[in-house]
Every structure is written in structure tokens, then in C-alpha cells.
C-alpha atoms as a PDB file:
ATOM      1  CA  MET A   1     -14.196 -19.614  49.676  1.00  0.00           C
ATOM      2  CA  LYS A   2     -12.846 -15.912  49.426  1.00  0.00           C
ATOM      3  CA  ALA A   3      -9.509 -13.375  49.958  1.00  0.00           C
ATOM      4  CA  THR A   4      -8.942 -10.188  50.366  1.00  0.00           C
ATOM      5  CA  ILE A   5      -5.688  -9.179  48.112  1.00  0.00           C
ATOM      6  CA  HIS A   6      -4.794  -5.940  47.677  1.00  0.00           C
ATOM      7  CA  GLY A   7      -7.843  -4.199  48.579  1.00  0.00           C
ATOM      8  CA  SER A   8      -9.552  -6.322  46.574  1.00  0.00           C
ATOM      9  CA  VAL A   9     -12.028  -9.530  47.192  1.00  0.00           C
ATOM     10  CA  MET A  10     -10.761 -12.961  45.161  1.00  0.00           C
ATOM     11  CA  HIS A  11     -12.895 -16.070  45.035  1.00  0.00           C
ATOM     12  CA  TYR A  12     -11.398 -19.186  44.817  1.00  0.00           C
ATOM     13  CA  GLU A  13     -12.223 -22.735  45.234  1.00  0.00           C
ATOM     14  CA  SER A  14      -9.655 -25.731  46.665  1.00  0.00           C
ATOM     15  CA  TYR A  15     -10.438 -28.739  46.523  1.00  0.00           C
ATOM     16  CA  GLY A  16      -7.899 -32.190  47.798  1.00  0.00           C
ATOM     17  CA  ALA A  17      -5.370 -32.233  50.135  1.00  0.00           C
ATOM     18  CA  GLY A  18      -2.218 -33.758  47.376  1.00  0.00           C
ATOM     19  CA  GLU A  19       0.633 -31.610  46.497  1.00  0.00           C
ATOM     20  CA  PRO A  20      -0.730 -27.736  44.703  1.00  0.00           C
ATOM     21  CA  LEU A  21      -1.876 -27.251  41.448  1.00  0.00           C
ATOM     22  CA  LEU A  22      -2.568 -23.813  40.792  1.00  0.00           C
ATOM     23  CA  PHE A  23      -5.542 -23.611  37.765  1.00  0.00           C
ATOM     24  CA  ILE A  24      -5.117 -19.683  35.858  1.00  0.00           C
ATOM     25  CA  HIS A  25      -8.094 -19.257  33.907  1.00  0.00           C
ATOM     26  CA  GLY A  26      -8.261 -17.393  30.080  1.00  0.00           C
ATOM     27  CA  PHE A  27     -10.087 -14.381  29.217  1.00  0.00           C
ATOM     28  CA  PRO A  28     -12.774 -13.112  29.830  1.00  0.00           C
ATOM     29  CA  LEU A  29     -12.924 -16.925  30.984  1.00  0.00           C
ATOM     30  CA  SER A  30     -13.666 -18.231  34.948  1.00  0.00           C
ATOM     31  CA  GLY A  31     -12.407 -20.375  37.479  1.00  0.00           C
ATOM     32  CA  GLU A  32     -15.862 -22.706  36.114  1.00  0.00           C
ATOM     33  CA  LEU A  33     -13.576 -23.409  32.862  1.00  0.00           C
ATOM     34  CA  TRP A  34     -11.699 -25.925  35.589  1.00  0.00           C
ATOM     35  CA  MET A  35     -14.506 -27.242  37.051  1.00  0.00           C
ATOM     36  CA  PRO A  36     -15.021 -30.777  34.987  1.00  0.00           C
ATOM     37  CA  LEU A  37     -11.960 -31.297  36.060  1.00  0.00           C
ATOM     38  CA  ILE A  38     -12.466 -31.889  39.729  1.00  0.00           C
ATOM     39  CA  PRO A  39     -13.433 -35.163  39.950  1.00  0.00           C
ATOM     40  CA  LEU A  40     -11.041 -36.215  38.004  1.00  0.00           C
ATOM     41  CA  LEU A  41      -7.844 -34.778  39.769  1.00  0.00           C
ATOM     42  CA  GLN A  42      -9.016 -34.162  43.258  1.00  0.00           C
ATOM     43  CA  GLU A  43      -8.214 -37.729  45.024  1.00  0.00           C
ATOM     44  CA  GLU A  44      -4.522 -36.944  44.175  1.00  0.00           C
ATOM     45  CA  TYR A  45      -3.924 -33.303  44.586  1.00  0.00           C
ATOM     46  CA  ARG A  46      -4.795 -30.376  45.975  1.00  0.00           C
ATOM     47  CA  LEU A  47      -6.352 -27.896  43.439  1.00  0.00           C
ATOM     48  CA  ILE A  48      -6.344 -24.242  43.578  1.00  0.00           C
ATOM     49  CA  ILE A  49      -9.103 -22.831  41.178  1.00  0.00           C
ATOM     50  CA  PRO A  50      -9.510 -18.783  41.569  1.00  0.00           C
ATOM     51  CA  ASP A  51     -11.050 -16.259  39.594  1.00  0.00           C
ATOM     52  CA  LEU A  52      -8.932 -13.614  39.074  1.00  0.00           C
ATOM     53  CA  ARG A  53      -9.479  -9.948  39.614  1.00  0.00           C
ATOM     54  CA  GLY A  54     -12.574  -8.781  37.749  1.00  0.00           C
ATOM     55  CA  PHE A  55     -13.982 -12.172  36.797  1.00  0.00           C
ATOM     56  CA  GLY A  56     -16.626 -14.944  38.183  1.00  0.00           C
ATOM     57  CA  GLN A  57     -17.332 -14.780  41.920  1.00  0.00           C
ATOM     58  CA  SER A  58     -14.015 -11.792  42.230  1.00  0.00           C
ATOM     59  CA  ASP A  59     -14.549  -8.064  42.819  1.00  0.00           C
ATOM     60  CA  LEU A  60     -14.971  -5.499  39.771  1.00  0.00           C
ATOM     61  CA  SER A  61     -11.419  -4.273  38.332  1.00  0.00           C
ATOM     62  CA  GLN A  62     -10.847  -1.106  36.320  1.00  0.00           C
ATOM     63  CA  GLU A  63      -7.053  -1.552  35.872  1.00  0.00           C
ATOM     64  CA  SER A  64      -5.116  -4.762  35.569  1.00  0.00           C
ATOM     65  CA  SER A  65      -1.620  -5.470  34.365  1.00  0.00           C
ATOM     66  CA  MET A  66      -0.453  -8.982  34.452  1.00  0.00           C
ATOM     67  CA  GLY A  67       2.058  -8.531  37.035  1.00  0.00           C
ATOM     68  CA  GLN A  68      -0.907  -7.470  39.544  1.00  0.00           C
ATOM     69  CA  TYR A  69      -2.985 -11.081  38.362  1.00  0.00           C
ATOM     70  CA  VAL A  70       0.775 -12.332  38.928  1.00  0.00           C
ATOM     71  CA  GLU A  71       0.847 -10.673  42.568  1.00  0.00           C
ATOM     72  CA  ASP A  72      -2.617 -11.454  43.476  1.00  0.00           C
ATOM     73  CA  LEU A  73      -1.784 -15.323  42.695  1.00  0.00           C
ATOM     74  CA  ALA A  74       1.350 -15.027  45.199  1.00  0.00           C
ATOM     75  CA  THR A  75      -0.748 -13.099  47.798  1.00  0.00           C
ATOM     76  CA  LEU A  76      -3.315 -16.006  47.499  1.00  0.00           C
ATOM     77  CA  LEU A  77      -0.923 -19.053  47.659  1.00  0.00           C
ATOM     78  CA  ASP A  78       0.869 -17.367  50.796  1.00  0.00           C
ATOM     79  CA  LEU A  79      -3.035 -17.013  53.202  1.00  0.00           C
ATOM     80  CA  SER A  80      -4.139 -20.323  51.362  1.00  0.00           C
ATOM     81  CA  GLY A  81      -1.366 -21.636  53.441  1.00  0.00           C
ATOM     82  CA  GLU A  82       0.390 -23.224  49.971  1.00  0.00           C
ATOM     83  CA  GLN A  83       4.260 -22.582  50.525  1.00  0.00           C
ATOM     84  CA  ARG A  84       5.472 -25.397  48.273  1.00  0.00           C
ATOM     85  CA  PRO A  85       5.934 -24.560  44.952  1.00  0.00           C
ATOM     86  CA  VAL A  86       2.854 -25.047  42.510  1.00  0.00           C
ATOM     87  CA  VAL A  87       1.716 -26.989  38.998  1.00  0.00           C
ATOM     88  CA  LEU A  88       0.787 -23.435  37.155  1.00  0.00           C
ATOM     89  CA  VAL A  89      -2.009 -24.586  34.414  1.00  0.00           C
ATOM     90  CA  GLY A  90      -2.414 -21.435  32.918  1.00  0.00           C
ATOM     91  CA  LEU A  91      -4.981 -21.643  29.470  1.00  0.00           C
ATOM     92  CA  SER A  92      -4.840 -18.519  27.201  1.00  0.00           C
ATOM     93  CA  MET A  93      -4.606 -15.100  29.292  1.00  0.00           C
ATOM     94  CA  GLY A  94      -3.907 -17.575  32.146  1.00  0.00           C
ATOM     95  CA  GLY A  95      -0.906 -18.518  30.177  1.00  0.00           C
ATOM     96  CA  TYR A  96       0.558 -15.151  29.942  1.00  0.00           C
ATOM     97  CA  ILE A  97       0.162 -14.402  33.503  1.00  0.00           C
ATOM     98  CA  ALA A  98       1.952 -17.844  34.064  1.00  0.00           C
ATOM     99  CA  PHE A  99       5.452 -16.969  31.969  1.00  0.00           C
ATOM    100  CA  GLU A 100       4.764 -13.144  34.317  1.00  0.00           C
ATOM    101  CA  PHE A 101       4.361 -15.478  37.255  1.00  0.00           C
ATOM    102  CA  TYR A 102       7.765 -17.776  36.478  1.00  0.00           C
ATOM    103  CA  ARG A 103       9.737 -14.449  35.838  1.00  0.00           C
ATOM    104  CA  ARG A 104       8.502 -13.199  39.280  1.00  0.00           C
ATOM    105  CA  TYR A 105       8.808 -16.319  40.905  1.00  0.00           C
ATOM    106  CA  PRO A 106      10.554 -19.235  39.380  1.00  0.00           C
ATOM    107  CA  GLU A 107      10.912 -20.651  42.980  1.00  0.00           C
ATOM    108  CA  ARG A 108       7.375 -21.078  43.251  1.00  0.00           C
ATOM    109  CA  ILE A 109       7.683 -22.933  40.522  1.00  0.00           C
ATOM    110  CA  ARG A 110       7.663 -27.058  40.293  1.00  0.00           C
ATOM    111  CA  ALA A 111       5.922 -27.531  36.535  1.00  0.00           C
ATOM    112  CA  LEU A 112       4.025 -25.485  34.435  1.00  0.00           C
ATOM    113  CA  VAL A 113       1.407 -26.415  31.999  1.00  0.00           C
ATOM    114  CA  LEU A 114       0.511 -24.187  28.883  1.00  0.00           C
ATOM    115  CA  SER A 115      -2.906 -24.703  27.512  1.00  0.00           C
ATOM    116  CA  ASP A 116      -3.808 -22.866  24.702  1.00  0.00           C
ATOM    117  CA  THR A 117      -2.311 -19.091  24.550  1.00  0.00           C
ATOM    118  CA  ARG A 118       1.329 -17.940  22.909  1.00  0.00           C
ATOM    119  CA  ALA A 119       4.554 -16.446  23.954  1.00  0.00           C
ATOM    120  CA  PRO A 120       5.261 -13.612  21.963  1.00  0.00           C
ATOM    121  CA  ALA A 121       3.089  -9.766  22.375  1.00  0.00           C
ATOM    122  CA  ASP A 122       0.628  -8.712  20.803  1.00  0.00           C
ATOM    123  CA  SER A 123       1.308  -7.211  17.386  1.00  0.00           C
ATOM    124  CA  GLU A 124       1.087  -3.255  17.035  1.00  0.00           C
ATOM    125  CA  GLU A 125      -2.117  -3.758  15.606  1.00  0.00           C
ATOM    126  CA  GLY A 126      -3.333  -6.469  17.157  1.00  0.00           C
ATOM    127  CA  ALA A 127      -2.634  -4.048  20.464  1.00  0.00           C
ATOM    128  CA  ARG A 128      -4.624  -1.647  19.126  1.00  0.00           C
ATOM    129  CA  GLY A 129      -7.666  -3.775  18.131  1.00  0.00           C
ATOM    130  CA  ARG A 130      -7.337  -4.517  21.634  1.00  0.00           C
ATOM    131  CA  LEU A 131      -7.197  -1.394  22.937  1.00  0.00           C
ATOM    132  CA  ALA A 132     -10.535  -0.352  20.133  1.00  0.00           C
ATOM    133  CA  THR A 133     -12.705  -3.591  22.076  1.00  0.00           C
ATOM    134  CA  ALA A 134     -12.023  -1.986  25.189  1.00  0.00           C
ATOM    135  CA  GLU A 135     -13.654   0.854  24.053  1.00  0.00           C
ATOM    136  CA  ARG A 136     -16.625  -0.781  22.536  1.00  0.00           C
ATOM    137  CA  VAL A 137     -17.402  -3.119  25.167  1.00  0.00           C
ATOM    138  CA  LEU A 138     -17.880  -0.617  28.079  1.00  0.00           C
ATOM    139  CA  ARG A 139     -19.897   1.741  25.400  1.00  0.00           C
ATOM    140  CA  GLU A 140     -22.116  -1.149  24.294  1.00  0.00           C
ATOM    141  CA  GLY A 141     -21.727  -3.490  27.280  1.00  0.00           C
ATOM    142  CA  SER A 142     -21.141  -7.198  27.613  1.00  0.00           C
ATOM    143  CA  ALA A 143     -23.509  -9.478  26.099  1.00  0.00           C
ATOM    144  CA  GLY A 144     -22.647  -8.565  21.971  1.00  0.00           C
ATOM    145  CA  PHE A 145     -18.778  -9.223  22.894  1.00  0.00           C
ATOM    146  CA  ALA A 146     -19.471 -12.630  24.977  1.00  0.00           C
ATOM    147  CA  GLU A 147     -21.764 -13.286  21.175  1.00  0.00           C
ATOM    148  CA  GLU A 148     -18.477 -12.448  19.620  1.00  0.00           C
ATOM    149  CA  MET A 149     -16.175 -14.957  21.845  1.00  0.00           C
ATOM    150  CA  THR A 150     -18.529 -17.248  21.821  1.00  0.00           C
ATOM    151  CA  GLY A 151     -18.298 -18.041  18.235  1.00  0.00           C
ATOM    152  CA  LYS A 152     -14.100 -17.967  18.363  1.00  0.00           C
ATOM    153  CA  LEU A 153     -14.023 -20.813  21.632  1.00  0.00           C
ATOM    154  CA  PHE A 154     -15.344 -23.696  20.675  1.00  0.00           C
ATOM    155  CA  ALA A 155     -14.800 -26.432  17.694  1.00  0.00           C
ATOM    156  CA  PRO A 156     -17.720 -27.162  16.079  1.00  0.00           C
ATOM    157  CA  GLN A 157     -18.760 -31.036  17.820  1.00  0.00           C
ATOM    158  CA  ALA A 158     -19.385 -28.117  20.959  1.00  0.00           C
ATOM    159  CA  THR A 159     -23.024 -28.457  21.683  1.00  0.00           C
ATOM    160  CA  GLU A 160     -24.996 -25.533  22.313  1.00  0.00           C
ATOM    161  CA  GLU A 161     -25.693 -25.915  25.566  1.00  0.00           C
ATOM    162  CA  LEU A 162     -22.092 -25.357  26.561  1.00  0.00           C
ATOM    163  CA  ARG A 163     -21.881 -22.668  24.180  1.00  0.00           C
ATOM    164  CA  GLN A 164     -25.432 -21.148  26.340  1.00  0.00           C
ATOM    165  CA  GLN A 165     -23.435 -21.752  29.560  1.00  0.00           C
ATOM    166  CA  TRP A 166     -20.520 -19.920  28.884  1.00  0.00           C
ATOM    167  CA  ARG A 167     -22.691 -17.100  26.565  1.00  0.00           C
ATOM    168  CA  GLU A 168     -24.136 -16.150  29.916  1.00  0.00           C
ATOM    169  CA  ILE A 169     -20.540 -16.475  32.138  1.00  0.00           C
ATOM    170  CA  MET A 170     -19.133 -13.502  29.776  1.00  0.00           C
ATOM    171  CA  THR A 171     -22.704 -11.888  29.639  1.00  0.00           C
ATOM    172  CA  ALA A 172     -22.425 -11.293  33.681  1.00  0.00           C
ATOM    173  CA  THR A 173     -18.466 -10.476  33.572  1.00  0.00           C
ATOM    174  CA  ALA A 174     -18.922  -6.741  34.388  1.00  0.00           C
ATOM    175  CA  PRO A 175     -17.491  -4.445  31.165  1.00  0.00           C
ATOM    176  CA  GLU A 176     -15.071  -2.319  33.532  1.00  0.00           C
ATOM    177  CA  SER A 177     -13.282  -6.257  34.355  1.00  0.00           C
ATOM    178  CA  ILE A 178     -13.124  -7.257  30.350  1.00  0.00           C
ATOM    179  CA  ALA A 179     -11.881  -3.606  29.098  1.00  0.00           C
ATOM    180  CA  ALA A 180      -9.086  -3.735  32.087  1.00  0.00           C
ATOM    181  CA  ALA A 181      -7.620  -7.402  31.179  1.00  0.00           C
ATOM    182  CA  LEU A 182      -8.116  -6.243  27.199  1.00  0.00           C
ATOM    183  CA  ARG A 183      -5.883  -3.033  28.010  1.00  0.00           C
ATOM    184  CA  ALA A 184      -3.695  -5.517  30.086  1.00  0.00           C
ATOM    185  CA  MET A 185      -2.946  -8.365  27.505  1.00  0.00           C
ATOM    186  CA  ALA A 186      -2.516  -5.346  24.850  1.00  0.00           C
ATOM    187  CA  GLU A 187       0.572  -3.959  27.119  1.00  0.00           C
ATOM    188  CA  ARG A 188       1.353  -7.061  28.083  1.00  0.00           C
ATOM    189  CA  PRO A 189       5.324  -8.362  27.741  1.00  0.00           C
ATOM    190  CA  ASP A 190       6.676  -9.966  25.219  1.00  0.00           C
ATOM    191  CA  SER A 191       7.559 -13.816  26.911  1.00  0.00           C
ATOM    192  CA  THR A 192       9.366 -15.199  23.535  1.00  0.00           C
ATOM    193  CA  GLU A 193      12.783 -15.055  24.882  1.00  0.00           C
ATOM    194  CA  THR A 194      11.481 -16.469  28.616  1.00  0.00           C
ATOM    195  CA  LEU A 195      11.001 -19.488  26.841  1.00  0.00           C
ATOM    196  CA  ALA A 196      14.350 -20.258  26.468  1.00  0.00           C
ATOM    197  CA  THR A 197      15.179 -19.758  30.687  1.00  0.00           C
ATOM    198  CA  ILE A 198      12.185 -22.008  31.656  1.00  0.00           C
ATOM    199  CA  ASN A 199      14.110 -24.566  33.971  1.00  0.00           C
ATOM    200  CA  ARG A 200      10.926 -26.543  34.419  1.00  0.00           C
ATOM    201  CA  PRO A 201       9.193 -29.981  33.169  1.00  0.00           C
ATOM    202  CA  THR A 202       6.511 -27.918  31.229  1.00  0.00           C
ATOM    203  CA  LEU A 203       3.904 -29.710  29.255  1.00  0.00           C
ATOM    204  CA  ILE A 204       2.165 -27.360  26.155  1.00  0.00           C
ATOM    205  CA  LEU A 205      -1.387 -28.908  25.425  1.00  0.00           C
ATOM    206  CA  VAL A 206      -3.977 -27.244  22.278  1.00  0.00           C
ATOM    207  CA  GLY A 207      -7.450 -27.980  21.316  1.00  0.00           C
ATOM    208  CA  GLU A 208      -6.439 -29.444  17.720  1.00  0.00           C
ATOM    209  CA  GLU A 209      -9.072 -27.027  16.496  1.00  0.00           C
ATOM    210  CA  ASP A 210      -8.348 -24.093  17.794  1.00  0.00           C
ATOM    211  CA  LYS A 211      -8.184 -20.966  15.800  1.00  0.00           C
ATOM    212  CA  ILE A 212      -7.565 -18.211  18.711  1.00  0.00           C
ATOM    213  CA  THR A 213      -4.403 -20.227  19.449  1.00  0.00           C
ATOM    214  CA  PRO A 214      -3.555 -22.434  16.654  1.00  0.00           C
ATOM    215  CA  LEU A 215      -0.946 -25.735  16.909  1.00  0.00           C
ATOM    216  CA  ALA A 216       1.487 -23.698  15.084  1.00  0.00           C
ATOM    217  CA  ASP A 217       1.867 -21.137  18.583  1.00  0.00           C
ATOM    218  CA  ALA A 218       2.364 -24.188  20.736  1.00  0.00           C
ATOM    219  CA  GLN A 219       4.878 -25.987  18.447  1.00  0.00           C
ATOM    220  CA  ALA A 220       7.049 -22.758  18.294  1.00  0.00           C
ATOM    221  CA  MET A 221       6.884 -22.917  22.290  1.00  0.00           C
ATOM    222  CA  GLN A 222       7.504 -26.682  22.582  1.00  0.00           C
ATOM    223  CA  LYS A 223      10.800 -26.210  20.740  1.00  0.00           C
ATOM    224  CA  ALA A 224      11.976 -23.285  22.384  1.00  0.00           C
ATOM    225  CA  ILE A 225      11.589 -25.395  25.848  1.00  0.00           C
ATOM    226  CA  THR A 226      14.357 -27.283  26.637  1.00  0.00           C
ATOM    227  CA  GLY A 227      12.462 -30.998  27.278  1.00  0.00           C
ATOM    228  CA  ALA A 228       8.858 -29.553  26.978  1.00  0.00           C
ATOM    229  CA  GLU A 229       6.143 -32.252  26.092  1.00  0.00           C
ATOM    230  CA  LEU A 230       3.048 -31.115  23.181  1.00  0.00           C
ATOM    231  CA  GLU A 231      -0.322 -32.836  22.395  1.00  0.00           C
ATOM    232  CA  ALA A 232      -3.069 -32.046  20.601  1.00  0.00           C
ATOM    233  CA  VAL A 233      -6.877 -32.659  22.436  1.00  0.00           C
ATOM    234  CA  PRO A 234      -9.120 -34.314  19.687  1.00  0.00           C
ATOM    235  CA  ALA A 235     -12.151 -32.309  19.017  1.00  0.00           C
ATOM    236  CA  ALA A 236     -11.155 -29.161  20.630  1.00  0.00           C
ATOM    237  CA  GLY A 237     -11.489 -25.870  20.110  1.00  0.00           C
ATOM    238  CA  HIS A 238      -9.696 -22.820  22.422  1.00  0.00           C
ATOM    239  CA  MET A 239     -11.124 -24.164  25.407  1.00  0.00           C
ATOM    240  CA  PRO A 240     -10.125 -28.211  26.012  1.00  0.00           C
ATOM    241  CA  PRO A 241     -10.069 -28.532  29.689  1.00  0.00           C
ATOM    242  CA  VAL A 242     -14.571 -28.130  29.787  1.00  0.00           C
ATOM    243  CA  GLU A 243     -14.750 -29.181  25.924  1.00  0.00           C
ATOM    244  CA  GLN A 244     -12.586 -32.145  26.228  1.00  0.00           C
ATOM    245  CA  PRO A 245     -12.177 -32.804  30.198  1.00  0.00           C
ATOM    246  CA  GLU A 246     -11.450 -36.845  30.190  1.00  0.00           C
ATOM    247  CA  CYS A 247      -9.310 -36.396  27.276  1.00  0.00           C
ATOM    248  CA  PHE A 248      -6.798 -33.050  29.149  1.00  0.00           C
ATOM    249  CA  ALA A 249      -6.955 -34.648  32.254  1.00  0.00           C
ATOM    250  CA  ALA A 250      -5.732 -37.922  31.604  1.00  0.00           C
ATOM    251  CA  ARG A 251      -2.987 -36.230  29.880  1.00  0.00           C
ATOM    252  CA  LEU A 252      -1.827 -34.123  32.652  1.00  0.00           C
ATOM    253  CA  LEU A 253      -2.552 -36.567  35.347  1.00  0.00           C
ATOM    254  CA  GLN A 254       0.424 -38.365  32.646  1.00  0.00           C
ATOM    255  CA  PHE A 255       2.658 -35.520  33.285  1.00  0.00           C
ATOM    256  CA  LEU A 256       2.150 -34.786  36.496  1.00  0.00           C
ATOM    257  CA  ASP A 257       2.907 -38.629  37.258  1.00  0.00           C
ATOM    258  CA  ASN A 258       6.544 -38.468  35.370  1.00  0.00           C
ATOM    259  CA  LEU A 259       7.424 -35.744  38.135  1.00  0.00           C
ATOM    260  CA  ASP A 260      10.254 -36.347  40.339  1.00  0.00           C
ATOM    261  CA  PRO A 261       9.318 -37.354  43.610  1.00  0.00           C
ATOM    262  CA  LEU A 262       8.848 -34.747  46.416  1.00  0.00           C
ATOM    263  CA  ASP A 263      11.134 -34.392  49.772  1.00  0.00           C
ATOM    264  CA  GLN A 264       9.467 -34.900  53.286  1.00  0.00           C
ATOM    265  CA  GLN A 265       8.992 -30.677  52.829  1.00  0.00           C
ATOM    266  CA  GLY A 266       7.018 -31.490  50.027  1.00  0.00           C
ATOM    267  CA  TRP A 267      10.250 -30.082  47.401  1.00  0.00           C
ATOM    268  CA  PRO A 268      10.864 -31.755  44.627  1.00  0.00           C
ATOM    269  CA  TYR A 269      13.850 -34.280  45.100  1.00  0.00           C
ATOM    270  CA  ARG A 270      16.903 -34.289  43.797  1.00  0.00           C
ATOM    271  CA  PRO A 271      19.436 -36.633  44.471  1.00  0.00           C
ATOM    272  CA  ASP A 272      22.957 -36.200  45.230  1.00  0.00           C
ATOM    273  CA  PRO A 273      25.982 -36.228  42.430  1.00  0.00           C
ATOM    274  CA  GLU A 274      27.967 -39.161  42.797  1.00  0.00           C
END
């Protein structure tokens, strides 16, 4: 499916007809990240799975920011007829976007699922490294960068077939879009103080063997978010939805099953105080 948003064409998929879940993929990935979850979730929920600007089948993007990604997603919800609050599921850069979405549109969020991400902004050194990588990708193209990322994203148990699938997806991403996202991440705001303000049910998932955003990052978020749940996904690196989709989906479903019921208008039901 296609939607024209802020002058750019965004590709997205929509499955099911239940309560809405909005999935935000990481960098430099695409909505393909969530495809293994579809048969496990679509009977009970509406799954909205976009390719962020510049990625997958969406239009190339030469400039991006966390705010721009959020405004794209909010507009996509409007255009797809979804006014109910969503369960926002973000992995890695998708988690950075989820924090910005929460700051701008808390009323549109029913619950948060933060996977393999972190709250702090980049250090000065880290930001400089991202900007330098952006310039290198523009000079040299996407293939070499895709090869580097493939070596970082997966647990040792991941098959070569899975690695090759994502190597090809990342290689097909335009250098301009990779560079734009790298600059956006380098400039993103620190979300550490946001954690204490989150008053939505929150599930934190992390690959047990994630070397990019390890368990310690997830534990720090759990400590700061009141009532947050945390679970490590065994035999997974930075990509648990494709490395261990059954485990990821089972824990997500357990979390969703325990959310407060919705009222007749599709909003979380809150009984009147006695």
C-alpha cells in the first residue's frame, strides 16, 4: 500500500482488523523486519507496518530527523483511518522514534514495546563517528556498509541465509537515505529524562546476545520506566523479530493480553473511582 505524506511516497502494509499495533523498524532496515510476526499476530490485532522514509519501498530521503519520522507516522495513522491509540513497537532506531512520538503524541499511544534500543543520545565521539560514516557511504555506496552491519546485527547462531537476506535489503537502500538516517541519529535528542515521564504500559525486549544495545541498556530503561517489564530473547542478537520470531511474538502477545480492556470507542477502559 502507498500513501503520499509530506510530498514523499511511503510504503506500508496493513494486516488484520483488531486493536492497532504500529511497528517501527530499525536502521538501516525496512518493514520486512516484522514480516515473520504477521501470521502469529494478525488474527487478533491490526498490524500497521511502514517502511520509513528512505527505506524499503518508500521514496528516497536526503534529509531526515526523529521529528520528521514521527510526523510521517502520525499522518500515516490518519490516512489509514486509525484514530485509536496504538501499541507502538520500535526496534533500535525505531525506539528512538518511539520516544519522540511519545513526547509529541502521548494521547495516541496505548502502550510501548521497546526492542533493542537505548535512551541516551550519542556521545560527541559517537555522533562524529555517525557523521563520518554518512560521508563514507555517500562516497563508497551502500554495499560495504551493509556488509559491516550484517556482521553486527545477528547472534552467532543466525543462518547464512538470514544474513544474506538482510545484506541484500541493506545494500538496496540508497546511500542518501542511509546518510540521512545516520545524521538524524547523530542529532537526536537525549531521551533519558523522558523515561521517568512514561505512564503507559511498557515492555522492553532485547536479544540476549545483542552487542549493539546490550542487556545493560535495557535494564537501565526498565529501572527508569515505572512498571516496565523486561525480557531477554534467547539466541538472538539485535534482530529478535527475525532471529526468534516465535519467542518474540509469544512475549508480545502475553504483554498485550494483560493490557487494560478497551471501551466501545476503542480507548483504554478506566473504571470510575469508587
